[in-house]
């Protein structure tokens, strides 16, 4: 697909990106025709968002929000310094698994010891930023992609292994072999992040309607 000069991905120009994709892919036009354009959601870049993404791994968003809120209230705010001070044992008692407690503690240590710069991710291209994130304990390709999509608002990132995306792609393109596509999103490059948002929207709407 030819890349349009639409500027950085924001709430203002998100509909412009959607218009480009829906004009070229009938399956995405169908999503918007039936379910509308999804709300543009984003998170603030920084340590707390990475912390929250780790908390959200393999649990529901609602449960993750409860745990995150409990920890935030206990710490008086989520920062690398405060996570280091409280330690992994207390994080575990506050609701994180032992494994996630270690991940969050080690991330805080890497930031405080200047082995990893969250701010530096803004200047890195997608590939470099994902590589830097994946070097951190407990952060893999999915978590890295979610951070780039939500906090850095990059337009061409796809979270591999996302179950909702896989099921959404399967529903949208039932006559195609979607195994590789569901893991890469390459069909919709260079706006894979926008396509992912539309497919999540489609999956959530169709799942709710079935209920």
Protein backbone atom coordinates (compact mmCIF):
# COMPACT_ATOMS: atom_id res chain seq x y z
CA UNK A 1 0.00 0.00 0.00
CA UNK A 2 1.21 3.49 -0.82
CA UNK A 3 1.97 5.42 2.37
CA UNK A 4 -0.02 8.61 2.73
CA UNK A 5 1.48 11.63 4.51
CA UNK A 6 -1.07 11.80 7.32
CA UNK A 7 1.22 12.85 10.14
CA UNK A 8 1.54 11.21 13.57
CA UNK A 9 -1.30 8.99 14.74
CA UNK A 10 -3.58 11.05 17.00
CA UNK A 11 -7.24 11.22 17.94
CA UNK A 12 -7.63 14.02 15.40
CA UNK A 13 -6.24 12.22 12.37
CA UNK A 14 -7.20 8.66 13.34
CA UNK A 15 -10.36 8.92 11.15
CA UNK A 16 -8.13 9.90 8.21
CA UNK A 17 -6.11 6.72 8.62
CA UNK A 18 -9.36 4.76 8.88
CA UNK A 19 -10.61 6.32 5.64
CA UNK A 20 -7.45 5.26 3.80
CA UNK A 21 -7.76 1.65 5.00
CA UNK A 22 -11.49 1.32 4.44
CA UNK A 23 -11.08 2.73 0.95
CA UNK A 24 -8.70 -0.10 0.07
CA UNK A 25 -9.95 -3.08 2.09
CA UNK A 26 -13.57 -4.12 1.85
CA UNK A 27 -13.43 -6.14 5.08
CA UNK A 28 -12.49 -3.02 7.08
CA UNK A 29 -15.11 -0.92 5.29
CA UNK A 30 -17.62 -3.51 6.43
CA UNK A 31 -16.52 -3.10 10.03
CA UNK A 32 -17.04 0.66 9.93
CA UNK A 33 -20.34 0.36 8.04
CA UNK A 34 -21.78 -1.94 10.68
CA UNK A 35 -20.06 -0.84 13.89
CA UNK A 36 -18.73 2.67 13.23
CA UNK A 37 -15.26 4.08 13.86
CA UNK A 38 -13.87 3.01 17.25
CA UNK A 39 -12.86 5.50 19.89
CA UNK A 40 -9.17 6.37 19.69
CA UNK A 41 -7.62 5.23 22.96
CA UNK A 42 -4.09 5.98 24.09
CA UNK A 43 -1.87 5.92 27.15
CA UNK A 44 0.78 8.27 28.40
CA UNK A 45 4.34 7.20 27.56
CA UNK A 46 6.41 6.31 30.60
CA UNK A 47 7.28 3.73 33.22
CA UNK A 48 3.76 3.42 34.61
CA UNK A 49 2.31 2.39 31.25
CA UNK A 50 4.95 -0.31 30.83
CA UNK A 51 4.21 -1.44 34.39
CA UNK A 52 0.49 -1.64 33.57
CA UNK A 53 1.12 -3.61 30.37
CA UNK A 54 3.05 -6.20 32.40
CA UNK A 55 0.19 -6.35 34.92
CA UNK A 56 -2.28 -6.95 32.06
CA UNK A 57 -0.45 -9.94 30.62
CA UNK A 58 -2.70 -13.04 30.48
CA UNK A 59 -5.46 -11.63 32.70
CA UNK A 60 -8.61 -9.64 31.97
CA UNK A 61 -8.39 -5.88 31.67
CA UNK A 62 -10.88 -5.44 34.50
CA UNK A 63 -8.81 -7.55 36.92
CA UNK A 64 -5.62 -5.76 35.81
CA UNK A 65 -7.21 -2.38 36.52
CA UNK A 66 -8.10 -3.45 40.07
CA UNK A 67 -4.57 -4.68 40.77
CA UNK A 68 -2.96 -1.61 39.20
CA UNK A 69 -5.20 0.74 41.20
CA UNK A 70 -4.42 -1.11 44.45
CA UNK A 71 -0.68 -0.90 43.85
CA UNK A 72 -0.85 2.73 42.77
CA UNK A 73 -2.76 3.69 45.90
CA UNK A 74 -0.34 1.78 48.13
CA UNK A 75 2.74 3.33 46.50
CA UNK A 76 1.27 6.80 46.17
CA UNK A 77 1.97 6.63 42.43
CA UNK A 78 3.76 4.16 40.17
CA UNK A 79 7.37 5.05 39.42
CA UNK A 80 10.62 3.14 39.08
CA UNK A 81 11.85 4.55 42.40
CA UNK A 82 8.74 3.56 44.31
CA UNK A 83 8.61 0.06 42.82
CA UNK A 84 12.26 -0.46 43.78
CA UNK A 85 11.60 0.75 47.32
CA UNK A 86 8.64 -1.55 47.90
CA UNK A 87 10.30 -4.65 46.42
CA UNK A 88 8.89 -7.73 44.66
CA UNK A 89 7.55 -9.41 47.79
CA UNK A 90 5.22 -6.53 48.57
CA UNK A 91 4.13 -6.31 44.93
CA UNK A 92 3.18 -9.97 45.14
CA UNK A 93 1.17 -9.38 48.30
CA UNK A 94 -0.63 -6.55 46.51
CA UNK A 95 -1.89 -8.91 43.83
CA UNK A 96 0.80 -9.57 41.27
CA UNK A 97 2.04 -13.07 40.61
CA UNK A 98 5.57 -13.73 41.81
CA UNK A 99 6.72 -13.75 38.20
CA UNK A 100 5.15 -10.40 37.35
CA UNK A 101 6.42 -8.92 40.62
CA UNK A 102 9.93 -9.83 39.54
CA UNK A 103 9.39 -8.43 36.04
CA UNK A 104 8.19 -5.08 37.39
CA UNK A 105 10.97 -4.89 39.94
CA UNK A 106 13.66 -5.71 37.36
CA UNK A 107 12.23 -3.11 34.96
CA UNK A 108 12.39 -0.51 37.72
CA UNK A 109 15.99 -1.49 38.46
CA UNK A 110 16.97 -1.20 34.79
CA UNK A 111 15.47 2.29 34.64
CA UNK A 112 17.06 3.52 37.88
CA UNK A 113 20.44 2.06 36.95
CA UNK A 114 20.17 3.70 33.51
CA UNK A 115 20.46 0.38 31.70
CA UNK A 116 17.15 1.14 29.99
CA UNK A 117 15.60 4.49 29.03
CA UNK A 118 11.85 4.67 28.60
CA UNK A 119 12.25 8.21 27.26
CA UNK A 120 14.78 6.98 24.71
CA UNK A 121 12.14 4.80 23.06
CA UNK A 122 10.54 7.91 21.58
CA UNK A 123 13.60 8.54 19.41
CA UNK A 124 14.00 4.94 18.23
CA UNK A 125 12.31 3.56 15.13
CA UNK A 126 9.77 0.76 15.54
CA UNK A 127 12.22 -2.09 15.13
CA UNK A 128 14.82 -0.61 17.48
CA UNK A 129 12.23 0.31 20.11
CA UNK A 130 10.78 -3.21 20.09
CA UNK A 131 14.26 -4.69 20.38
CA UNK A 132 15.08 -2.46 23.36
CA UNK A 133 11.84 -3.39 25.07
CA UNK A 134 12.27 -7.11 24.41
CA UNK A 135 15.66 -6.95 26.12
CA UNK A 136 13.80 -6.30 29.38
CA UNK A 137 12.75 -9.26 31.51
CA UNK A 138 9.07 -10.07 31.06
CA UNK A 139 8.52 -7.83 28.04
CA UNK A 140 8.06 -9.67 24.75
CA UNK A 141 6.88 -8.79 21.25
CA UNK A 142 3.21 -8.46 22.26
CA UNK A 143 3.87 -6.13 25.21
CA UNK A 144 6.34 -4.11 23.13
CA UNK A 145 3.83 -3.66 20.33
CA UNK A 146 1.09 -2.61 22.74
CA UNK A 147 3.39 0.06 24.18
CA UNK A 148 4.31 1.39 20.75
CA UNK A 149 0.67 1.42 19.66
CA UNK A 150 -0.85 2.97 22.76
CA UNK A 151 1.88 5.17 24.26
CA UNK A 152 4.04 6.10 21.29
CA UNK A 153 1.06 6.02 18.90
CA UNK A 154 3.01 4.39 16.08
CA UNK A 155 0.81 3.65 13.03
CA UNK A 156 2.45 0.46 11.75
CA UNK A 157 2.76 -1.97 14.66
CA UNK A 158 1.01 -5.31 15.12
CA UNK A 159 0.93 -7.30 18.40
CA UNK A 160 1.79 -10.91 17.48
CA UNK A 161 -0.05 -13.69 19.23
CA UNK A 162 -3.02 -11.53 20.23
CA UNK A 163 -5.94 -13.94 20.50
CA UNK A 164 -8.66 -11.35 19.90
CA UNK A 165 -6.92 -10.18 16.73
CA UNK A 166 -6.53 -13.74 15.51
CA UNK A 167 -10.20 -14.51 16.03
CA UNK A 168 -11.20 -11.18 14.53
CA UNK A 169 -9.12 -11.80 11.40
CA UNK A 170 -10.59 -15.29 11.09
CA UNK A 171 -14.12 -13.87 11.23
CA UNK A 172 -13.34 -11.06 8.79
CA UNK A 173 -11.58 -13.22 6.21
CA UNK A 174 -13.14 -16.70 6.56
CA UNK A 175 -12.14 -17.77 3.05
CA UNK A 176 -8.43 -17.01 3.46
CA UNK A 177 -5.55 -18.78 5.18
CA UNK A 178 -5.10 -16.24 7.94
CA UNK A 179 -2.53 -17.94 10.18
CA UNK A 180 0.43 -15.83 9.10
CA UNK A 181 -1.71 -12.76 8.54
CA UNK A 182 -3.11 -12.91 12.06
CA UNK A 183 0.42 -12.93 13.47
CA UNK A 184 1.83 -10.20 11.22
CA UNK A 185 -0.96 -7.95 10.00
CA UNK A 186 1.10 -7.44 6.86
CA UNK A 187 -1.99 -7.18 4.66
CA UNK A 188 -2.66 -3.73 6.16
CA UNK A 189 0.89 -2.31 6.27
CA UNK A 190 1.96 0.47 6.62
CA UNK A 191 -1.04 1.13 8.89
CA UNK A 192 -1.21 -2.10 10.84
CA UNK A 193 -1.89 -0.33 14.15
CA UNK A 194 -4.99 1.27 12.69
CA UNK A 195 -6.16 -2.05 11.25
CA UNK A 196 -5.60 -3.72 14.63
CA UNK A 197 -7.77 -1.11 16.34
CA UNK A 198 -10.53 -1.71 13.79
CA UNK A 199 -10.30 -5.49 14.16
CA UNK A 200 -10.35 -5.32 17.97
CA UNK A 201 -13.42 -3.10 17.63
CA UNK A 202 -15.02 -5.63 15.29
CA UNK A 203 -14.18 -8.56 17.57
CA UNK A 204 -15.52 -6.83 20.69
CA UNK A 205 -18.73 -5.74 18.97
CA UNK A 206 -19.45 -9.12 17.42
CA UNK A 207 -18.62 -10.96 20.64
CA UNK A 208 -20.94 -8.70 22.61
CA UNK A 209 -23.75 -9.11 20.09
CA UNK A 210 -23.48 -12.89 20.33
CA UNK A 211 -23.88 -12.68 24.08
